[in-house]
Amino acid sequence: QVQLVESGGGLVQAGGSLRLSCAASGRTFSSYGMGWFRQAPGKEREFVATIRWSGGDTIYADSVKGRFIIFRDSDKIAVYLQMNSLKPEDTAVYCCAAKDTSLGWNYWGQGTQVSVSS
């Protein structure tokens, strides 16, 4: 079984920055891609960003484009989300996800809380 563990959440003022980390452990798996999703109270889970392991291609939600950066550590199966110019509407539980094929997301982390005060 593959486990994804996130860290780096917290409380920050609007305009501030946070960096989230997600590390995979457990059985060896070949990562096709990793990504970040978030869910705010009373809202559906939404896509934030994804990175393809081979080549490093990235995709961002329009709401975070230009403010967030997703990047990976090629030496270990880990992905990061650098969040800049944070807004109160970015407040949510952020979850890391991974997939070993081009199909759906196979693995999910427990999530880390990000709170942005105005």
PDB file of N, CA and C in Angstrom:
ATOM      1  N   GLN A   1       0.838  -1.181   0.000  1.00  0.00           N
ATOM      2  CA  GLN A   1       0.000   0.000   0.000  1.00  0.00           C
ATOM      3  C   GLN A   1       0.883   1.244   0.000  1.00  0.00           C
ATOM      4  N   VAL A   2       0.461   2.261  -0.708  1.00  0.00           N
ATOM      5  CA  VAL A   2       1.195   3.514  -0.788  1.00  0.00           C
ATOM      6  C   VAL A   2       0.529   4.529   0.131  1.00  0.00           C
ATOM      7  N   GLN A   3       1.318   5.195   0.929  1.00  0.00           N
ATOM      8  CA  GLN A   3       0.807   6.257   1.783  1.00  0.00           C
ATOM      9  C   GLN A   3       1.358   7.603   1.318  1.00  0.00           C
ATOM     10  N   LEU A   4       0.493   8.589   1.341  1.00  0.00           N
ATOM     11  CA  LEU A   4       0.888   9.962   1.037  1.00  0.00           C
ATOM     12  C   LEU A   4       0.705  10.789   2.303  1.00  0.00           C
ATOM     13  N   VAL A   5       1.747  11.493   2.694  1.00  0.00           N
ATOM     14  CA  VAL A   5       1.700  12.292   3.917  1.00  0.00           C
ATOM     15  C   VAL A   5       2.008  13.742   3.575  1.00  0.00           C
ATOM     16  N   GLU A   6       1.045  14.622   3.881  1.00  0.00           N
ATOM     17  CA  GLU A   6       1.226  16.045   3.622  1.00  0.00           C
ATOM     18  C   GLU A   6       1.723  16.757   4.871  1.00  0.00           C
ATOM     19  N   SER A   7       2.380  17.869   4.644  1.00  0.00           N
ATOM     20  CA  SER A   7       2.795  18.742   5.740  1.00  0.00           C
ATOM     21  C   SER A   7       2.921  20.164   5.207  1.00  0.00           C
ATOM     22  N   GLY A   8       3.000  21.118   6.130  1.00  0.00           N
ATOM     23  CA  GLY A   8       3.247  22.496   5.728  1.00  0.00           C
ATOM     24  C   GLY A   8       2.065  23.417   5.811  1.00  0.00           C
ATOM     25  N   GLY A   9       0.886  22.901   6.168  1.00  0.00           N
ATOM     26  CA  GLY A   9      -0.267  23.786   6.288  1.00  0.00           C
ATOM     27  C   GLY A   9      -0.140  24.678   7.504  1.00  0.00           C
ATOM     28  N   GLY A  10      -1.066  25.613   7.630  1.00  0.00           N
ATOM     29  CA  GLY A  10      -1.057  26.516   8.770  1.00  0.00           C
ATOM     30  C   GLY A  10      -1.919  27.720   8.538  1.00  0.00           C
ATOM     31  N   LEU A  11      -1.747  28.699   9.408  1.00  0.00           N
ATOM     32  CA  LEU A  11      -2.499  29.945   9.337  1.00  0.00           C
ATOM     33  C   LEU A  11      -1.570  31.053   8.852  1.00  0.00           C
ATOM     34  N   VAL A  12      -2.030  31.812   7.876  1.00  0.00           N
ATOM     35  CA  VAL A  12      -1.218  32.884   7.312  1.00  0.00           C
ATOM     36  C   VAL A  12      -2.130  34.057   6.959  1.00  0.00           C
ATOM     37  N   GLN A  13      -1.581  35.245   6.976  1.00  0.00           N
ATOM     38  CA  GLN A  13      -2.358  36.420   6.586  1.00  0.00           C
ATOM     39  C   GLN A  13      -2.444  36.516   5.068  1.00  0.00           C
ATOM     40  N   ALA A  14      -3.485  37.174   4.601  1.00  0.00           N
ATOM     41  CA  ALA A  14      -3.637  37.393   3.169  1.00  0.00           C
ATOM     42  C   ALA A  14      -2.386  38.066   2.604  1.00  0.00           C
ATOM     43  N   GLY A  15      -1.958  37.583   1.454  1.00  0.00           N
ATOM     44  CA  GLY A  15      -0.739  38.084   0.840  1.00  0.00           C
ATOM     45  C   GLY A  15       0.495  37.295   1.194  1.00  0.00           C
ATOM     46  N   GLY A  16       0.367  36.435   2.175  1.00  0.00           N
ATOM     47  CA  GLY A  16       1.499  35.634   2.623  1.00  0.00           C
ATOM     48  C   GLY A  16       1.713  34.399   1.772  1.00  0.00           C
ATOM     49  N   SER A  17       2.671  33.584   2.200  1.00  0.00           N
ATOM     50  CA  SER A  17       3.047  32.387   1.456  1.00  0.00           C
ATOM     51  C   SER A  17       3.129  31.175   2.376  1.00  0.00           C
ATOM     52  N   LEU A  18       2.897  30.027   1.794  1.00  0.00           N
ATOM     53  CA  LEU A  18       3.088  28.741   2.466  1.00  0.00           C
ATOM     54  C   LEU A  18       3.600  27.748   1.438  1.00  0.00           C
ATOM     55  N   ARG A  19       4.329  26.747   1.909  1.00  0.00           N
ATOM     56  CA  ARG A  19       4.751  25.661   1.040  1.00  0.00           C
ATOM     57  C   ARG A  19       4.253  24.350   1.626  1.00  0.00           C
ATOM     58  N   LEU A  20       3.503  23.625   0.834  1.00  0.00           N
ATOM     59  CA  LEU A  20       3.030  22.298   1.224  1.00  0.00           C
ATOM     60  C   LEU A  20       3.950  21.231   0.645  1.00  0.00           C
ATOM     61  N   SER A  21       4.110  20.166   1.408  1.00  0.00           N
ATOM     62  CA  SER A  21       4.926  19.038   0.973  1.00  0.00           C
ATOM     63  C   SER A  21       4.096  17.768   1.032  1.00  0.00           C
ATOM     64  N   CYS A  22       4.406  16.844   0.153  1.00  0.00           N
ATOM     65  CA  CYS A  22       3.730  15.549   0.141  1.00  0.00           C
ATOM     66  C   CYS A  22       4.759  14.499  -0.220  1.00  0.00           C
ATOM     67  N   ALA A  23       4.930  13.529   0.663  1.00  0.00           N
ATOM     68  CA  ALA A  23       5.893  12.464   0.433  1.00  0.00           C
ATOM     69  C   ALA A  23       5.178  11.130   0.383  1.00  0.00           C
ATOM     70  N   ALA A  24       5.593  10.287  -0.535  1.00  0.00           N
ATOM     71  CA  ALA A  24       5.021   8.948  -0.669  1.00  0.00           C
ATOM     72  C   ALA A  24       5.894   7.942   0.062  1.00  0.00           C
ATOM     73  N   SER A  25       5.267   7.012   0.714  1.00  0.00           N
ATOM     74  CA  SER A  25       5.993   5.929   1.377  1.00  0.00           C
ATOM     75  C   SER A  25       5.191   4.646   1.222  1.00  0.00           C
ATOM     76  N   GLY A  26       5.799   3.553   1.606  1.00  0.00           N
ATOM     77  CA  GLY A  26       5.143   2.266   1.469  1.00  0.00           C
ATOM     78  C   GLY A  26       5.757   1.489   0.334  1.00  0.00           C
ATOM     79  N   ARG A  27       4.943   0.723  -0.351  1.00  0.00           N
ATOM     80  CA  ARG A  27       5.487  -0.089  -1.420  1.00  0.00           C
ATOM     81  C   ARG A  27       5.940   0.789  -2.575  1.00  0.00           C
ATOM     82  N   THR A  28       6.902   0.305  -3.296  1.00  0.00           N
ATOM     83  CA  THR A  28       7.418   1.039  -4.438  1.00  0.00           C
ATOM     84  C   THR A  28       6.360   1.123  -5.529  1.00  0.00           C
ATOM     85  N   PHE A  29       6.161   2.297  -6.062  1.00  0.00           N
ATOM     86  CA  PHE A  29       5.271   2.418  -7.202  1.00  0.00           C
ATOM     87  C   PHE A  29       5.861   3.431  -8.162  1.00  0.00           C
ATOM     88  N   SER A  30       5.512   3.277  -9.405  1.00  0.00           N
ATOM     89  CA  SER A  30       6.008   4.164 -10.433  1.00  0.00           C
ATOM     90  C   SER A  30       4.990   5.271 -10.624  1.00  0.00           C
ATOM     91  N   SER A  31       5.370   6.475 -10.225  1.00  0.00           N
ATOM     92  CA  SER A  31       4.428   7.575 -10.277  1.00  0.00           C
ATOM     93  C   SER A  31       4.260   8.098 -11.697  1.00  0.00           C
ATOM     94  N   TYR A  32       3.017   8.177 -12.150  1.00  0.00           N
ATOM     95  CA  TYR A  32       2.717   8.806 -13.437  1.00  0.00           C
ATOM     96  C   TYR A  32       2.537  10.299 -13.235  1.00  0.00           C
ATOM     97  N   GLY A  33       1.931  10.639 -12.105  1.00  0.00           N
ATOM     98  CA  GLY A  33       1.718  12.041 -11.817  1.00  0.00           C
ATOM     99  C   GLY A  33       1.282  12.224 -10.378  1.00  0.00           C
ATOM    100  N   MET A  34       1.469  13.428  -9.881  1.00  0.00           N
ATOM    101  CA  MET A  34       1.006  13.784  -8.545  1.00  0.00           C
ATOM    102  C   MET A  34       0.322  15.137  -8.621  1.00  0.00           C
ATOM    103  N   GLY A  35      -0.538  15.394  -7.657  1.00  0.00           N
ATOM    104  CA  GLY A  35      -1.269  16.655  -7.722  1.00  0.00           C
ATOM    105  C   GLY A  35      -1.804  17.071  -6.382  1.00  0.00           C
ATOM    106  N   TRP A  36      -2.415  18.239  -6.382  1.00  0.00           N
ATOM    107  CA  TRP A  36      -3.022  18.806  -5.190  1.00  0.00           C
ATOM    108  C   TRP A  36      -4.487  19.150  -5.484  1.00  0.00           C
ATOM    109  N   PHE A  37      -5.313  18.845  -4.519  1.00  0.00           N
ATOM    110  CA  PHE A  37      -6.730  19.197  -4.552  1.00  0.00           C
ATOM    111  C   PHE A  37      -7.046  19.908  -3.239  1.00  0.00           C
ATOM    112  N   ARG A  38      -8.160  20.617  -3.204  1.00  0.00           N
ATOM    113  CA  ARG A  38      -8.555  21.269  -1.953  1.00  0.00           C
ATOM    114  C   ARG A  38     -10.060  21.221  -1.788  1.00  0.00           C
ATOM    115  N   GLN A  39     -10.465  21.294  -0.533  1.00  0.00           N
ATOM    116  CA  GLN A  39     -11.892  21.305  -0.237  1.00  0.00           C
ATOM    117  C   GLN A  39     -12.145  22.301   0.881  1.00  0.00           C
ATOM    118  N   ALA A  40     -12.933  23.308   0.564  1.00  0.00           N
ATOM    119  CA  ALA A  40     -13.319  24.316   1.543  1.00  0.00           C
ATOM    120  C   ALA A  40     -14.607  23.871   2.229  1.00  0.00           C
ATOM    121  N   PRO A  41     -14.895  24.373   3.426  1.00  0.00           N
ATOM    122  CA  PRO A  41     -16.112  23.975   4.141  1.00  0.00           C
ATOM    123  C   PRO A  41     -17.352  24.212   3.301  1.00  0.00           C
ATOM    124  N   GLY A  42     -18.180  23.182   3.193  1.00  0.00           N
ATOM    125  CA  GLY A  42     -19.434  23.317   2.467  1.00  0.00           C
ATOM    126  C   GLY A  42     -19.300  23.306   0.960  1.00  0.00           C
ATOM    127  N   LYS A  43     -18.102  23.032   0.463  1.00  0.00           N
ATOM    128  CA  LYS A  43     -17.886  23.038  -0.987  1.00  0.00           C
ATOM    129  C   LYS A  43     -17.363  21.692  -1.464  1.00  0.00           C
ATOM    130  N   GLU A  44     -17.475  21.478  -2.766  1.00  0.00           N
ATOM    131  CA  GLU A  44     -16.949  20.261  -3.376  1.00  0.00           C
ATOM    132  C   GLU A  44     -15.419  20.340  -3.429  1.00  0.00           C
ATOM    133  N   ARG A  45     -14.788  19.173  -3.464  1.00  0.00           N
ATOM    134  CA  ARG A  45     -13.351  19.136  -3.659  1.00  0.00           C
ATOM    135  C   ARG A  45     -13.034  19.656  -5.058  1.00  0.00           C
ATOM    136  N   GLU A  46     -11.985  20.475  -5.147  1.00  0.00           N
ATOM    137  CA  GLU A  46     -11.618  21.018  -6.447  1.00  0.00           C
ATOM    138  C   GLU A  46     -10.145  20.786  -6.747  1.00  0.00           C
ATOM    139  N   PHE A  47      -9.860  20.691  -8.014  1.00  0.00           N
ATOM    140  CA  PHE A  47      -8.499  20.512  -8.491  1.00  0.00           C
ATOM    141  C   PHE A  47      -7.714  21.805  -8.303  1.00  0.00           C
ATOM    142  N   VAL A  48      -6.446  21.668  -7.898  1.00  0.00           N
ATOM    143  CA  VAL A  48      -5.569  22.834  -7.744  1.00  0.00           C
ATOM    144  C   VAL A  48      -4.446  22.803  -8.770  1.00  0.00           C
ATOM    145  N   ALA A  49      -3.672  21.722  -8.773  1.00  0.00           N
ATOM    146  CA  ALA A  49      -2.528  21.650  -9.677  1.00  0.00           C
ATOM    147  C   ALA A  49      -2.082  20.207  -9.798  1.00  0.00           C
ATOM    148  N   THR A  50      -1.442  19.900 -10.918  1.00  0.00           N
ATOM    149  CA  THR A  50      -0.902  18.569 -11.119  1.00  0.00           C
ATOM    150  C   THR A  50       0.413  18.647 -11.870  1.00  0.00           C
ATOM    151  N   ILE A  51       1.252  17.669 -11.667  1.00  0.00           N
ATOM    152  CA  ILE A  51       2.528  17.592 -12.371  1.00  0.00           C
ATOM    153  C   ILE A  51       2.734  16.167 -12.863  1.00  0.00           C
ATOM    154  N   ARG A  52       3.102  16.068 -14.119  1.00  0.00           N
ATOM    155  CA  ARG A  52       3.390  14.763 -14.688  1.00  0.00           C
ATOM    156  C   ARG A  52       4.822  14.397 -14.340  1.00  0.00           C
ATOM    157  N   TRP A  53       4.999  13.152 -13.862  1.00  0.00           N
ATOM    158  CA  TRP A  53       6.324  12.797 -13.370  1.00  0.00           C
ATOM    159  C   TRP A  53       7.370  12.800 -14.473  1.00  0.00           C
ATOM    160  N   SER A  54       7.008  12.264 -15.631  1.00  0.00           N
ATOM    161  CA  SER A  54       7.943  12.249 -16.745  1.00  0.00           C
ATOM    162  C   SER A  54       7.798  13.534 -17.542  1.00  0.00           C
ATOM    163  N   GLY A  55       8.806  14.348 -17.515  1.00  0.00           N
ATOM    164  CA  GLY A  55       8.760  15.600 -18.263  1.00  0.00           C
ATOM    165  C   GLY A  55       8.402  16.806 -17.431  1.00  0.00           C
ATOM    166  N   GLY A  56       7.695  16.583 -16.334  1.00  0.00           N
ATOM    167  CA  GLY A  56       7.389  17.690 -15.442  1.00  0.00           C
ATOM    168  C   GLY A  56       6.316  18.644 -15.922  1.00  0.00           C
ATOM    169  N   ASP A  57       5.496  18.232 -16.886  1.00  0.00           N
ATOM    170  CA  ASP A  57       4.416  19.107 -17.355  1.00  0.00           C
ATOM    171  C   ASP A  57       3.467  19.429 -16.199  1.00  0.00           C
ATOM    172  N   THR A  58       3.046  20.668 -16.134  1.00  0.00           N
ATOM    173  CA  THR A  58       2.161  21.093 -15.051  1.00  0.00           C
ATOM    174  C   THR A  58       0.857  21.667 -15.590  1.00  0.00           C
ATOM    175  N   ILE A  59      -0.187  21.558 -14.799  1.00  0.00           N
ATOM    176  CA  ILE A  59      -1.486  22.140 -15.090  1.00  0.00           C
ATOM    177  C   ILE A  59      -1.988  22.778 -13.807  1.00  0.00           C
ATOM    178  N   TYR A  60      -2.575  23.959 -13.923  1.00  0.00           N
ATOM    179  CA  TYR A  60      -3.091  24.678 -12.763  1.00  0.00           C
ATOM    180  C   TYR A  60      -4.550  25.064 -12.966  1.00  0.00           C
ATOM    181  N   ALA A  61      -5.267  25.118 -11.863  1.00  0.00           N
ATOM    182  CA  ALA A  61      -6.611  25.695 -11.898  1.00  0.00           C
ATOM    183  C   ALA A  61      -6.470  27.190 -12.167  1.00  0.00           C
ATOM    184  N   ASP A  62      -7.430  27.758 -12.855  1.00  0.00           N
ATOM    185  CA  ASP A  62      -7.378  29.183 -13.162  1.00  0.00           C
ATOM    186  C   ASP A  62      -7.290  30.036 -11.899  1.00  0.00           C
ATOM    187  N   SER A  63      -7.912  29.574 -10.837  1.00  0.00           N
ATOM    188  CA  SER A  63      -7.968  30.356  -9.603  1.00  0.00           C
ATOM    189  C   SER A  63      -6.605  30.504  -8.922  1.00  0.00           C
ATOM    190  N   VAL A  64      -5.643  29.641  -9.258  1.00  0.00           N
ATOM    191  CA  VAL A  64      -4.341  29.703  -8.596  1.00  0.00           C
ATOM    192  C   VAL A  64      -3.211  30.004  -9.570  1.00  0.00           C
ATOM    193  N   LYS A  65      -3.524  30.050 -10.849  1.00  0.00           N
ATOM    194  CA  LYS A  65      -2.501  30.264 -11.863  1.00  0.00           C
ATOM    195  C   LYS A  65      -1.781  31.593 -11.624  1.00  0.00           C
ATOM    196  N   GLY A  66      -0.456  31.546 -11.657  1.00  0.00           N
ATOM    197  CA  GLY A  66       0.341  32.749 -11.413  1.00  0.00           C
ATOM    198  C   GLY A  66       0.667  32.984  -9.956  1.00  0.00           C
ATOM    199  N   ARG A  67       0.017  32.260  -9.060  1.00  0.00           N
ATOM    200  CA  ARG A  67       0.274  32.412  -7.619  1.00  0.00           C
ATOM    201  C   ARG A  67       0.871  31.151  -7.011  1.00  0.00           C
ATOM    202  N   PHE A  68       0.452  29.996  -7.480  1.00  0.00           N
ATOM    203  CA  PHE A  68       0.922  28.723  -6.943  1.00  0.00           C
ATOM    204  C   PHE A  68       1.877  28.061  -7.928  1.00  0.00           C
ATOM    205  N   ILE A  69       2.837  27.323  -7.384  1.00  0.00           N
ATOM    206  CA  ILE A  69       3.777  26.573  -8.207  1.00  0.00           C
ATOM    207  C   ILE A  69       3.871  25.155  -7.663  1.00  0.00           C
ATOM    208  N   ILE A  70       3.684  24.177  -8.538  1.00  0.00           N
ATOM    209  CA  ILE A  70       3.838  22.781  -8.155  1.00  0.00           C
ATOM    210  C   ILE A  70       5.173  22.290  -8.710  1.00  0.00           C
ATOM    211  N   PHE A  71       5.920  21.570  -7.894  1.00  0.00           N
ATOM    212  CA  PHE A  71       7.167  21.003  -8.365  1.00  0.00           C
ATOM    213  C   PHE A  71       7.434  19.709  -7.617  1.00  0.00           C
ATOM    214  N   ARG A  72       8.349  18.918  -8.189  1.00  0.00           N
ATOM    215  CA  ARG A  72       8.593  17.589  -7.633  1.00  0.00           C
ATOM    216  C   ARG A  72      10.052  17.403  -7.289  1.00  0.00           C
ATOM    217  N   ASP A  73      10.309  16.407  -6.482  1.00  0.00           N
ATOM    218  CA  ASP A  73      11.671  15.981  -6.176  1.00  0.00           C
ATOM    219  C   ASP A  73      11.894  14.673  -6.925  1.00  0.00           C
ATOM    220  N   SER A  74      12.785  14.693  -7.891  1.00  0.00           N
ATOM    221  CA  SER A  74      12.994  13.514  -8.718  1.00  0.00           C
ATOM    222  C   SER A  74      13.721  12.397  -7.974  1.00  0.00           C
ATOM    223  N   ASP A  75      14.416  12.734  -6.913  1.00  0.00           N
ATOM    224  CA  ASP A  75      15.170  11.719  -6.168  1.00  0.00           C
ATOM    225  C   ASP A  75      14.282  10.898  -5.236  1.00  0.00           C
ATOM    226  N   LYS A  76      13.172  11.446  -4.885  1.00  0.00           N
ATOM    227  CA  LYS A  76      12.214  10.715  -4.061  1.00  0.00           C
ATOM    228  C   LYS A  76      10.820  11.073  -4.552  1.00  0.00           C
ATOM    229  N   ILE A  77       9.887  10.257  -4.268  1.00  0.00           N
ATOM    230  CA  ILE A  77       8.536  10.523  -4.760  1.00  0.00           C
ATOM    231  C   ILE A  77       7.888  11.534  -3.829  1.00  0.00           C
ATOM    232  N   ALA A  78       8.109  12.801  -4.141  1.00  0.00           N
ATOM    233  CA  ALA A  78       7.586  13.890  -3.324  1.00  0.00           C
ATOM    234  C   ALA A  78       7.174  15.035  -4.231  1.00  0.00           C
ATOM    235  N   VAL A  79       6.142  15.719  -3.826  1.00  0.00           N
ATOM    236  CA  VAL A  79       5.656  16.862  -4.587  1.00  0.00           C
ATOM    237  C   VAL A  79       5.401  18.007  -3.625  1.00  0.00           C
ATOM    238  N   TYR A  80       5.550  19.224  -4.124  1.00  0.00           N
ATOM    239  CA  TYR A  80       5.425  20.412  -3.296  1.00  0.00           C
ATOM    240  C   TYR A  80       4.478  21.393  -3.962  1.00  0.00           C
ATOM    241  N   LEU A  81       3.869  22.224  -3.149  1.00  0.00           N
ATOM    242  CA  LEU A  81       3.022  23.292  -3.663  1.00  0.00           C
ATOM    243  C   LEU A  81       3.438  24.580  -2.985  1.00  0.00           C
ATOM    244  N   GLN A  82       4.086  25.446  -3.733  1.00  0.00           N
ATOM    245  CA  GLN A  82       4.455  26.760  -3.229  1.00  0.00           C
ATOM    246  C   GLN A  82       3.286  27.697  -3.474  1.00  0.00           C
ATOM    247  N   MET A  83       2.731  28.232  -2.421  1.00  0.00           N
ATOM    248  CA  MET A  83       1.549  29.076  -2.524  1.00  0.00           C
ATOM    249  C   MET A  83       1.927  30.500  -2.133  1.00  0.00           C
ATOM    250  N   ASN A  84       1.817  31.408  -3.078  1.00  0.00           N
ATOM    251  CA  ASN A  84       2.142  32.817  -2.849  1.00  0.00           C
ATOM    252  C   ASN A  84       0.900  33.680  -3.005  1.00  0.00           C
ATOM    253  N   SER A  85       0.974  34.874  -2.502  1.00  0.00           N
ATOM    254  CA  SER A  85      -0.143  35.828  -2.607  1.00  0.00           C
ATOM    255  C   SER A  85      -1.459  35.173  -2.190  1.00  0.00           C
ATOM    256  N   LEU A  86      -1.431  34.534  -1.060  1.00  0.00           N
ATOM    257  CA  LEU A  86      -2.603  33.795  -0.600  1.00  0.00           C
ATOM    258  C   LEU A  86      -3.769  34.732  -0.315  1.00  0.00           C
ATOM    259  N   LYS A  87      -4.962  34.225  -0.591  1.00  0.00           N
ATOM    260  CA  LYS A  87      -6.201  34.968  -0.393  1.00  0.00           C
ATOM    261  C   LYS A  87      -7.087  34.200   0.594  1.00  0.00           C
ATOM    262  N   PRO A  88      -7.999  34.887   1.255  1.00  0.00           N
ATOM    263  CA  PRO A  88      -8.904  34.173   2.174  1.00  0.00           C
ATOM    264  C   PRO A  88      -9.661  33.036   1.479  1.00  0.00           C
ATOM    265  N   GLU A  89      -9.976  33.203   0.195  1.00  0.00           N
ATOM    266  CA  GLU A  89     -10.695  32.143  -0.522  1.00  0.00           C
ATOM    267  C   GLU A  89      -9.835  30.918  -0.808  1.00  0.00           C
ATOM    268  N   ASP A  90      -8.551  30.973  -0.489  1.00  0.00           N
ATOM    269  CA  ASP A  90      -7.701  29.793  -0.598  1.00  0.00           C
ATOM    270  C   ASP A  90      -7.816  28.897   0.634  1.00  0.00           C
ATOM    271  N   THR A  91      -8.521  29.356   1.638  1.00  0.00           N
ATOM    272  CA  THR A  91      -8.695  28.561   2.851  1.00  0.00           C
ATOM    273  C   THR A  91      -9.404  27.252   2.530  1.00  0.00           C
ATOM    274  N   ALA A  92      -8.773  26.138   2.905  1.00  0.00           N
ATOM    275  CA  ALA A  92      -9.316  24.817   2.594  1.00  0.00           C
ATOM    276  C   ALA A  92      -8.407  23.753   3.199  1.00  0.00           C
ATOM    277  N   VAL A  93      -8.872  22.519   3.153  1.00  0.00           N
ATOM    278  CA  VAL A  93      -8.008  21.373   3.420  1.00  0.00           C
ATOM    279  C   VAL A  93      -7.399  20.963   2.091  1.00  0.00           C
ATOM    280  N   TYR A  94      -6.088  20.934   2.051  1.00  0.00           N
ATOM    281  CA  TYR A  94      -5.371  20.587   0.828  1.00  0.00           C
ATOM    282  C   TYR A  94      -4.907  19.141   0.896  1.00  0.00           C
ATOM    283  N   CYS A  95      -5.238  18.378  -0.141  1.00  0.00           N
ATOM    284  CA  CYS A  95      -4.890  16.962  -0.200  1.00  0.00           C
ATOM    285  C   CYS A  95      -3.970  16.696  -1.377  1.00  0.00           C
ATOM    286  N   CYS A  96      -3.023  15.839  -1.129  1.00  0.00           N
ATOM    287  CA  CYS A  96      -2.110  15.368  -2.154  1.00  0.00           C
ATOM    288  C   CYS A  96      -2.703  14.098  -2.768  1.00  0.00           C
ATOM    289  N   ALA A  97      -2.463  13.914  -4.063  1.00  0.00           N
ATOM    290  CA  ALA A  97      -2.933  12.707  -4.742  1.00  0.00           C
ATOM    291  C   ALA A  97      -1.860  12.215  -5.697  1.00  0.00           C
ATOM    292  N   ALA A  98      -1.896  10.929  -5.990  1.00  0.00           N
ATOM    293  CA  ALA A  98      -0.926  10.345  -6.913  1.00  0.00           C
ATOM    294  C   ALA A  98      -1.608   9.298  -7.784  1.00  0.00           C
ATOM    295  N   LYS A  99      -1.061   9.113  -8.966  1.00  0.00           N
ATOM    296  CA  LYS A  99      -1.579   8.084  -9.855  1.00  0.00           C
ATOM    297  C   LYS A  99      -0.415   7.391 -10.520  1.00  0.00           C
ATOM    298  N   ASP A 100      -0.592   6.097 -10.799  1.00  0.00           N
ATOM    299  CA  ASP A 100       0.476   5.362 -11.453  1.00  0.00           C
ATOM    300  C   ASP A 100       0.140   5.035 -12.898  1.00  0.00           C
ATOM    301  N   THR A 101      -0.973   5.544 -13.392  1.00  0.00           N
ATOM    302  CA  THR A 101      -1.311   5.442 -14.806  1.00  0.00           C
ATOM    303  C   THR A 101      -1.930   6.770 -15.214  1.00  0.00           C
ATOM    304  N   SER A 102      -2.302   6.870 -16.462  1.00  0.00           N
ATOM    305  CA  SER A 102      -2.941   8.095 -16.934  1.00  0.00           C
ATOM    306  C   SER A 102      -4.412   8.162 -16.538  1.00  0.00           C
ATOM    307  N   LEU A 103      -4.888   7.135 -15.880  1.00  0.00           N
ATOM    308  CA  LEU A 103      -6.300   7.091 -15.476  1.00  0.00           C
ATOM    309  C   LEU A 103      -6.482   7.855 -14.162  1.00  0.00           C
ATOM    310  N   GLY A 104      -7.457   7.454 -13.373  1.00  0.00           N
ATOM    311  CA  GLY A 104      -7.806   8.204 -12.173  1.00  0.00           C
ATOM    312  C   GLY A 104      -6.756   8.154 -11.084  1.00  0.00           C
ATOM    313  N   TRP A 105      -6.959   9.018 -10.094  1.00  0.00           N
ATOM    314  CA  TRP A 105      -6.047   9.119  -8.965  1.00  0.00           C
ATOM    315  C   TRP A 105      -6.209   7.899  -8.057  1.00  0.00           C
ATOM    316  N   ASN A 106      -5.086   7.199  -7.843  1.00  0.00           N
ATOM    317  CA  ASN A 106      -5.128   5.957  -7.075  1.00  0.00           C
ATOM    318  C   ASN A 106      -4.989   6.188  -5.579  1.00  0.00           C
ATOM    319  N   TYR A 107      -4.185   7.185  -5.220  1.00  0.00           N
ATOM    320  CA  TYR A 107      -3.791   7.341  -3.828  1.00  0.00           C
ATOM    321  C   TYR A 107      -4.060   8.770  -3.359  1.00  0.00           C
ATOM    322  N   TRP A 108      -4.474   8.862  -2.105  1.00  0.00           N
ATOM    323  CA  TRP A 108      -4.813  10.167  -1.526  1.00  0.00           C
ATOM    324  C   TRP A 108      -4.203  10.307  -0.140  1.00  0.00           C
ATOM    325  N   GLY A 109      -3.773  11.510   0.172  1.00  0.00           N
ATOM    326  CA  GLY A 109      -3.315  11.805   1.515  1.00  0.00           C
ATOM    327  C   GLY A 109      -4.483  12.208   2.393  1.00  0.00           C
ATOM    328  N   GLN A 110      -4.185  12.424   3.679  1.00  0.00           N
ATOM    329  CA  GLN A 110      -5.226  12.793   4.650  1.00  0.00           C
ATOM    330  C   GLN A 110      -5.580  14.266   4.566  1.00  0.00           C
ATOM    331  N   GLY A 111      -4.670  15.064   4.103  1.00  0.00           N
ATOM    332  CA  GLY A 111      -4.939  16.483   3.964  1.00  0.00           C
ATOM    333  C   GLY A 111      -4.263  17.314   5.039  1.00  0.00           C
ATOM    334  N   THR A 112      -4.042  18.582   4.712  1.00  0.00           N
ATOM    335  CA  THR A 112      -3.477  19.535   5.652  1.00  0.00           C
ATOM    336  C   THR A 112      -4.261  20.842   5.535  1.00  0.00           C
ATOM    337  N   GLN A 113      -4.549  21.440   6.676  1.00  0.00           N
ATOM    338  CA  GLN A 113      -5.387  22.645   6.695  1.00  0.00           C
ATOM    339  C   GLN A 113      -4.567  23.884   6.357  1.00  0.00           C
ATOM    340  N   VAL A 114      -5.097  24.673   5.457  1.00  0.00           N
ATOM    341  CA  VAL A 114      -4.540  25.982   5.139  1.00  0.00           C
ATOM    342  C   VAL A 114      -5.615  27.018   5.430  1.00  0.00           C
ATOM    343  N   SER A 115      -5.284  27.978   6.283  1.00  0.00           N
ATOM    344  CA  SER A 115      -6.225  29.028   6.634  1.00  0.00           C
ATOM    345  C   SER A 115      -5.579  30.376   6.350  1.00  0.00           C
ATOM    346  N   VAL A 116      -6.302  31.218   5.618  1.00  0.00           N
ATOM    347  CA  VAL A 116      -5.792  32.529   5.248  1.00  0.00           C
ATOM    348  C   VAL A 116      -6.718  33.582   5.835  1.00  0.00           C
ATOM    349  N   SER A 117      -6.165  34.425   6.690  1.00  0.00           N
ATOM    350  CA  SER A 117      -6.969  35.463   7.337  1.00  0.00           C
ATOM    351  C   SER A 117      -6.887  36.753   6.539  1.00  0.00           C
ATOM    352  N   SER A 118      -7.968  37.515   6.596  1.00  0.00           N
ATOM    353  CA  SER A 118      -8.019  38.784   5.836  1.00  0.00           C
ATOM    354  C   SER A 118      -7.459  39.929   6.646  1.00  0.00           C
TER     355      SER A 118
END
